[in-house]
Amino acid sequence: MIALIVFAVIFAILGIIGSVLPALPGPPLSWVGMLLVFFADKVGERPDPMSTTTLLVWLGVTVLVSILDYIVPIKTTQLTGGHKAASTGAVIGLVVGMLVPPVGIILGSLLGAFFGELMVNDKGLWPAFKAGAGAFLGFLLGTGMKLAVAGVMAWLVIKYAFL
């Protein structure tokens, strides 16, 4: 039981980190932490175990957020007149910017989106800036959404594991 709880907390932490880093799937990792706590409750006697309904609702939220994480940046980029290159540039800029966090992450993502759009759609600086800003806004919205969901699931892991 203790090993399950330890791994659950590790997965919850990785879920929060993965909400910012593009290489890790944040909310799914947090949900695995919830799953481990659910099984730990089945092994040990707890006065307030996690319900199956709670686990399944958060699975649905995890799937929804994972899907929206791909849709939101595309839609915000399209709304500002950008192409997929702006979204791709934002992700590349984020990865490069991780060398100098947190300023590098923000500037890298914004500049990556700007240059990605400028290289593909050479309509000038202002359209590239708008598209880059849209891609960056989509990235921020997706990241914020993932962070919020992973944070709540991390809280639930702590609540059901220790409180």
Protein backbone atom coordinates (compact mmCIF):
# COMPACT_ATOMS: atom_id res chain seq x y z
CA MET A 1 0.00 0.00 0.00
CA ILE A 2 2.78 2.44 0.87
CA ALA A 3 4.54 1.79 -2.44
CA LEU A 4 1.32 2.57 -4.33
CA ILE A 5 0.95 5.84 -2.43
CA VAL A 6 4.58 6.82 -3.11
CA PHE A 7 4.19 6.11 -6.82
CA ALA A 8 0.85 7.94 -6.86
CA VAL A 9 2.49 11.08 -5.49
CA ILE A 10 5.35 10.75 -7.98
CA PHE A 11 2.87 10.46 -10.85
CA ALA A 12 0.89 13.47 -9.56
CA ILE A 13 4.08 15.56 -9.48
CA LEU A 14 5.11 14.34 -12.93
CA GLY A 15 1.62 15.28 -14.13
CA ILE A 16 2.08 18.87 -13.02
CA ILE A 17 5.53 19.03 -14.59
CA GLY A 18 4.19 17.39 -17.76
CA SER A 19 1.52 20.06 -18.05
CA VAL A 20 4.30 22.53 -18.91
CA LEU A 21 6.83 20.29 -20.66
CA PRO A 22 5.66 19.13 -24.09
CA ALA A 23 7.48 15.78 -23.79
CA LEU A 24 5.34 14.50 -20.89
CA PRO A 25 1.56 13.94 -20.97
CA GLY A 26 0.62 15.90 -17.83
CA PRO A 27 -3.02 15.11 -17.00
CA PRO A 28 -2.78 11.42 -17.97
CA LEU A 29 0.16 11.02 -15.58
CA SER A 30 -1.84 12.68 -12.80
CA TRP A 31 -4.75 10.38 -13.52
CA VAL A 32 -2.45 7.36 -13.16
CA GLY A 33 -1.60 8.75 -9.72
CA MET A 34 -5.32 8.80 -8.90
CA LEU A 35 -5.66 5.23 -10.17
CA LEU A 36 -2.83 4.11 -7.88
CA VAL A 37 -4.50 5.78 -4.88
CA PHE A 38 -7.77 4.08 -5.85
CA PHE A 39 -6.04 0.68 -5.76
CA ALA A 40 -4.19 1.56 -2.55
CA ASP A 41 -7.57 2.27 -0.94
CA LYS A 42 -8.73 -1.21 -1.99
CA VAL A 43 -5.68 -2.81 -0.37
CA GLY A 44 -5.86 -0.87 2.90
CA GLU A 45 -8.81 0.12 5.04
CA ARG A 46 -9.58 3.83 4.71
CA PRO A 47 -12.56 5.62 6.18
CA ASP A 48 -13.03 7.76 3.04
CA PRO A 49 -11.81 5.84 -0.04
CA MET A 50 -11.91 7.27 -3.54
CA SER A 51 -15.06 6.23 -5.38
CA THR A 52 -15.16 4.62 -8.80
CA THR A 53 -17.32 7.55 -9.94
CA THR A 54 -14.62 10.04 -8.96
CA LEU A 55 -12.02 8.04 -10.83
CA LEU A 56 -14.15 7.75 -13.98
CA VAL A 57 -15.21 11.42 -13.97
CA TRP A 58 -11.57 12.48 -13.82
CA LEU A 59 -10.74 10.02 -16.59
CA GLY A 60 -13.33 11.82 -18.72
CA VAL A 61 -11.87 15.21 -17.78
CA THR A 62 -8.38 13.92 -18.63
CA VAL A 63 -9.48 12.72 -22.07
CA LEU A 64 -11.32 15.99 -22.75
CA VAL A 65 -8.36 18.16 -21.73
CA SER A 66 -5.97 16.02 -23.76
CA ILE A 67 -8.12 16.51 -26.86
CA LEU A 68 -8.64 20.23 -26.25
CA ASP A 69 -4.89 20.68 -25.81
CA TYR A 70 -4.53 19.97 -29.53
CA ILE A 71 -7.59 21.92 -30.65
CA VAL A 72 -7.21 25.19 -28.69
CA PRO A 73 -3.82 26.27 -30.11
CA ILE A 74 -4.94 25.47 -33.65
CA LYS A 75 -8.15 27.46 -33.27
CA THR A 76 -6.50 30.50 -31.68
CA THR A 77 -3.85 30.49 -34.40
CA GLN A 78 -6.52 30.27 -37.09
CA LEU A 79 -8.55 33.06 -35.48
CA THR A 80 -5.55 35.36 -35.77
CA GLY A 81 -4.88 34.39 -39.38
CA GLY A 82 -2.00 32.01 -38.77
CA HIS A 83 -0.98 28.64 -40.13
CA LYS A 84 0.18 25.43 -38.48
CA ALA A 85 3.75 26.71 -38.75
CA ALA A 86 3.03 29.26 -36.01
CA SER A 87 1.83 26.51 -33.66
CA THR A 88 4.83 24.34 -34.51
CA GLY A 89 7.16 27.29 -34.00
CA ALA A 90 5.63 27.94 -30.59
CA VAL A 91 6.38 24.39 -29.47
CA ILE A 92 9.94 24.50 -30.86
CA GLY A 93 10.50 27.86 -29.17
CA LEU A 94 9.20 26.45 -25.91
CA VAL A 95 11.61 23.52 -26.02
CA VAL A 96 14.57 25.79 -26.82
CA GLY A 97 13.40 28.32 -24.23
CA MET A 98 13.43 25.68 -21.49
CA LEU A 99 17.19 26.24 -21.31
CA VAL A 100 16.47 29.60 -19.65
CA PRO A 101 13.26 29.18 -17.62
CA PRO A 102 10.82 30.92 -17.08
CA VAL A 103 11.59 33.88 -19.36
CA GLY A 104 13.00 31.62 -22.08
CA ILE A 105 9.88 29.49 -22.12
CA ILE A 106 7.62 32.49 -22.67
CA LEU A 107 9.84 34.37 -25.10
CA GLY A 108 10.90 31.19 -26.90
CA SER A 109 7.32 30.18 -27.48
CA LEU A 110 6.26 33.64 -28.68
CA LEU A 111 9.30 34.14 -30.92
CA GLY A 112 9.07 30.59 -32.26
CA ALA A 113 5.46 31.17 -33.28
CA PHE A 114 6.35 34.53 -34.84
CA PHE A 115 9.28 33.19 -36.88
CA GLY A 116 7.42 30.00 -37.82
CA GLU A 117 4.61 32.05 -39.30
CA LEU A 118 6.97 34.58 -40.90
CA MET A 119 8.95 31.84 -42.68
CA VAL A 120 5.90 30.05 -44.08
CA ASN A 121 3.51 32.92 -44.73
CA ASP A 122 5.57 35.91 -45.79
CA LYS A 123 2.81 38.55 -45.60
CA GLY A 124 4.81 40.89 -43.41
CA LEU A 125 5.66 41.48 -39.79
CA TRP A 126 2.23 42.47 -38.46
CA PRO A 127 0.35 39.37 -39.74
CA ALA A 128 3.19 37.18 -38.48
CA PHE A 129 3.05 38.91 -35.09
CA LYS A 130 -0.73 38.43 -34.88
CA ALA A 131 -0.46 34.77 -35.83
CA GLY A 132 2.41 34.28 -33.40
CA ALA A 133 0.44 35.94 -30.63
CA GLY A 134 -2.54 33.70 -31.43
CA ALA A 135 -0.39 30.57 -31.31
CA PHE A 136 1.18 31.74 -28.06
CA LEU A 137 -2.23 32.50 -26.57
CA GLY A 138 -3.42 29.02 -27.56
CA PHE A 139 -0.33 27.50 -25.96
CA LEU A 140 -0.96 29.47 -22.75
CA LEU A 141 -4.63 28.47 -22.64
CA GLY A 142 -3.79 24.80 -23.23
CA THR A 143 -1.02 24.83 -20.64
CA GLY A 144 -3.22 26.61 -18.10
CA MET A 145 -6.01 24.13 -18.67
CA LYS A 146 -3.64 21.17 -18.22
CA LEU A 147 -2.07 22.73 -15.12
CA ALA A 148 -5.46 23.32 -13.52
CA VAL A 149 -6.62 19.74 -14.16
CA ALA A 150 -3.31 18.18 -13.09
CA GLY A 151 -3.26 20.39 -9.99
CA VAL A 152 -6.75 19.32 -8.92
CA MET A 153 -5.89 15.68 -9.52
CA ALA A 154 -2.68 16.09 -7.49
CA TRP A 155 -4.78 17.56 -4.68
CA LEU A 156 -7.11 14.56 -4.90
CA VAL A 157 -4.13 12.20 -4.72
CA ILE A 158 -2.96 13.96 -1.55
CA LYS A 159 -6.48 14.10 -0.11
CA TYR A 160 -7.25 10.43 -0.60
CA ALA A 161 -3.73 9.24 0.25
CA PHE A 162 -3.03 11.25 3.39
CA LEU A 163 -6.04 13.14 4.69
